[in-house]
Amino acid sequence: MSSVPAIRPKNYREKVFFRKLRSQVDGSSKVEHALTQIRGVGRRFAQAVVMVANVDPNIRIGVLGEKDLNNIEEIILDPIKYGVPNWMVNRKNDLRDGGDKHVIGNQLDITVKRDIDRMKRIKSYKGVRHHFRLKVRGQRTKSTGRHGLVIGVVRKKRGQK
C-alpha cells in the first residue's frame, strides 16, 4: 500500500446536491450506490437510471459534470419518458391520475400515509390492522410484536393482603 494520496480531479465534489429531488448524496460513492441514498430509489432502479443516462457506473458521482447530473435528475423525475420500463416504477396505476409514476423523497412519505388513511377510511382488512397497530402482512402475533402493550406486573408488598 503506497503512502501517496489519491489524486482527485479539479471538479470533484464531496457532496452532490440534487435540487429538484431535494436531496444530497456522498460524492465519494460510485454512481449507482450514490443514487440509492435518495429516498425512493433502490438498487435496480439506480442501475436502470445509470444505464439510460449512459454514465459509467464505476466512476464516483462527485466527478460527474453538471450536465450528467442534470440528466440523471431528469430521468429520476420522469423515468417512463426516458425509457425505463413501467414495471420498475414504484407507483403503478396511481389512484389520483391513473398513470404510472415514480415517487421519491418527501412525496413518498405523503403518498404512503395517504394510502394508509384511505385503507382506514374504507375499513379494509389492512386498514383495520393499521388502525389497531397490529401486523398487517400476515406475520404471526401470538408470540411477537408485544411491545407497548403491557407496562408490567405490580407486586404487593410483603405483609399486605
Protein backbone atom coordinates (compact mmCIF):
# COMPACT_ATOMS: atom_id res chain seq x y z
CA MET A 1 0.00 0.00 0.00
CA SER A 2 1.52 3.29 -1.05
CA SER A 3 1.59 6.40 1.08
CA VAL A 4 0.85 8.64 -1.90
CA PRO A 5 -2.64 10.17 -1.58
CA ALA A 6 -5.14 9.58 -4.35
CA ILE A 7 -5.31 12.49 -6.78
CA ARG A 8 -8.77 13.90 -7.20
CA PRO A 9 -9.81 15.83 -10.29
CA LYS A 10 -10.38 19.57 -10.07
CA ASN A 11 -14.15 19.29 -10.50
CA TYR A 12 -14.56 16.76 -7.62
CA ARG A 13 -17.29 17.49 -5.04
CA GLU A 14 -17.62 15.96 -1.55
CA LYS A 15 -21.43 16.31 -1.60
CA VAL A 16 -23.62 16.31 -4.69
CA PHE A 17 -26.91 18.20 -4.41
CA PHE A 18 -29.95 17.37 -6.50
CA ARG A 19 -32.09 20.49 -6.23
CA LYS A 20 -35.27 19.18 -7.86
CA LEU A 21 -35.08 15.97 -5.82
CA ARG A 22 -34.33 17.94 -2.63
CA SER A 23 -31.58 15.56 -1.57
CA GLN A 24 -27.84 15.24 -1.36
CA VAL A 25 -25.56 12.26 -1.83
CA ASP A 26 -21.99 11.45 -0.87
CA GLY A 27 -19.61 12.43 -3.66
CA SER A 28 -17.11 9.65 -2.97
CA SER A 29 -19.65 6.89 -3.70
CA LYS A 30 -19.94 5.17 -7.05
CA VAL A 31 -22.84 6.42 -9.16
CA GLU A 32 -25.25 3.51 -8.61
CA HIS A 33 -24.64 3.37 -4.86
CA ALA A 34 -24.92 7.14 -4.52
CA LEU A 35 -28.32 7.19 -6.21
CA THR A 36 -29.65 4.69 -3.68
CA GLN A 37 -29.07 7.32 -0.97
CA ILE A 38 -32.06 9.20 -2.42
CA ARG A 39 -35.28 8.13 -0.70
CA GLY A 40 -37.40 6.10 -3.14
CA VAL A 41 -34.53 4.98 -5.38
CA GLY A 42 -33.45 1.36 -4.96
CA ARG A 43 -30.55 -0.63 -6.41
CA ARG A 44 -32.30 -1.89 -9.52
CA PHE A 45 -33.87 1.47 -10.30
CA ALA A 46 -30.48 3.16 -9.85
CA GLN A 47 -28.92 0.66 -12.27
CA ALA A 48 -31.63 1.42 -14.82
CA VAL A 49 -31.14 5.18 -14.44
CA VAL A 50 -27.37 4.87 -14.92
CA MET A 51 -27.88 2.69 -17.99
CA VAL A 52 -30.38 5.09 -19.56
CA ALA A 53 -28.14 8.10 -18.78
CA ASN A 54 -25.11 6.42 -20.46
CA VAL A 55 -22.89 7.06 -17.42
CA ASP A 56 -20.01 4.78 -16.42
CA PRO A 57 -21.20 3.01 -13.22
CA ASN A 58 -17.64 2.61 -11.91
CA ILE A 59 -16.81 6.29 -11.52
CA ARG A 60 -17.57 8.38 -8.45
CA ILE A 61 -20.58 10.67 -8.56
CA GLY A 62 -18.51 13.60 -7.29
CA VAL A 63 -16.54 13.55 -10.55
CA LEU A 64 -19.57 13.80 -12.86
CA GLY A 65 -20.22 17.05 -14.65
CA GLU A 66 -23.23 19.27 -14.16
CA LYS A 67 -24.72 18.13 -17.47
CA ASP A 68 -24.66 14.44 -16.46
CA LEU A 69 -26.10 15.20 -13.02
CA ASN A 70 -28.96 17.20 -14.53
CA ASN A 71 -29.61 14.34 -16.97
CA ILE A 72 -29.74 11.80 -14.10
CA GLU A 73 -32.06 14.10 -12.15
CA GLU A 74 -34.46 14.43 -15.09
CA ILE A 75 -34.50 10.65 -15.61
CA ILE A 76 -35.34 10.05 -11.93
CA LEU A 77 -38.16 12.61 -12.06
CA ASP A 78 -39.82 11.10 -15.15
CA PRO A 79 -38.35 7.63 -15.82
CA ILE A 80 -41.03 6.36 -18.22
CA LYS A 81 -40.41 9.27 -20.60
CA TYR A 82 -36.74 8.22 -20.88
CA GLY A 83 -37.40 4.51 -21.48
CA VAL A 84 -37.35 2.92 -18.02
CA PRO A 85 -39.90 0.04 -18.04
CA ASN A 86 -43.29 0.59 -16.40
CA TRP A 87 -42.85 -2.32 -14.00
CA MET A 88 -39.81 -0.63 -12.47
CA VAL A 89 -41.60 2.44 -11.10
CA ASN A 90 -42.91 2.38 -7.54
CA ARG A 91 -46.38 3.82 -8.22
CA LYS A 92 -48.28 1.93 -10.89
CA ASN A 93 -51.89 2.92 -11.69
CA ASP A 94 -51.99 5.82 -9.26
CA LEU A 95 -55.45 6.41 -7.78
CA ARG A 96 -55.37 10.15 -8.45
CA ASP A 97 -54.34 10.31 -12.11
CA GLY A 98 -54.33 6.64 -13.16
CA GLY A 99 -50.84 6.79 -14.63
CA ASP A 100 -47.54 5.15 -13.76
CA LYS A 101 -45.04 7.36 -11.95
CA HIS A 102 -42.08 7.12 -9.62
CA VAL A 103 -42.49 8.84 -6.25
CA ILE A 104 -39.39 9.98 -4.36
CA GLY A 105 -38.38 11.93 -1.25
CA ASN A 106 -40.98 13.55 0.98
CA GLN A 107 -43.68 12.87 -1.60
CA LEU A 108 -43.17 9.15 -0.94
CA ASP A 109 -43.96 9.59 2.77
CA ILE A 110 -47.05 11.65 1.98
CA THR A 111 -48.27 9.10 -0.58
CA VAL A 112 -47.84 6.14 1.79
CA LYS A 113 -49.64 7.99 4.59
CA ARG A 114 -52.48 8.91 2.22
CA ASP A 115 -52.82 5.26 1.16
CA ILE A 116 -52.95 4.05 4.77
CA ASP A 117 -55.53 6.69 5.69
CA ARG A 118 -57.63 5.62 2.69
CA MET A 119 -57.49 1.97 3.81
CA LYS A 120 -58.56 3.03 7.32
CA ARG A 121 -61.40 5.16 5.96
CA ILE A 122 -62.89 2.38 3.82
CA LYS A 123 -62.27 -0.10 6.66
CA SER A 124 -60.43 -2.67 4.60
CA TYR A 125 -58.70 -5.54 6.38
CA LYS A 126 -55.31 -3.85 6.12
CA GLY A 127 -56.81 -0.57 7.27
CA VAL A 128 -58.29 -2.15 10.39
CA ARG A 129 -54.93 -3.80 11.18
CA HIS A 130 -53.20 -0.43 10.73
CA HIS A 131 -55.78 1.24 12.99
CA PHE A 132 -55.14 -1.19 15.84
CA ARG A 133 -51.36 -1.10 15.20
CA LEU A 134 -51.21 -4.82 14.55
CA LYS A 135 -49.13 -6.69 11.98
CA VAL A 136 -50.51 -6.08 8.50
CA ARG A 137 -48.73 -8.51 6.21
CA GLY A 138 -49.71 -11.86 7.71
CA GLN A 139 -46.98 -12.21 10.33
CA ARG A 140 -47.61 -14.21 13.47
CA THR A 141 -48.75 -12.27 16.52
CA LYS A 142 -49.03 -14.95 19.19
CA SER A 143 -45.51 -14.52 20.48
CA THR A 144 -44.06 -11.49 18.68
CA GLY A 145 -44.87 -7.81 18.44
CA ARG A 146 -45.75 -7.44 22.10
CA HIS A 147 -44.02 -4.13 22.72
CA GLY A 148 -46.01 -1.22 24.02
CA LEU A 149 -48.97 -3.25 25.27
CA VAL A 150 -48.37 -4.12 28.94
CA ILE A 151 -46.47 -1.93 31.39
CA GLY A 152 -45.57 -4.69 33.83
CA VAL A 153 -46.65 -6.58 36.91
CA VAL A 154 -47.30 -4.69 40.16
CA ARG A 155 -46.45 -6.77 43.22
CA LYS A 156 -47.94 -6.37 46.67
CA LYS A 157 -45.55 -5.51 49.46
CA ARG A 158 -44.76 -8.23 51.99
CA GLY A 159 -47.21 -8.44 54.82
CA GLN A 160 -50.14 -6.82 52.95
CA LYS A 161 -53.19 -8.72 51.88
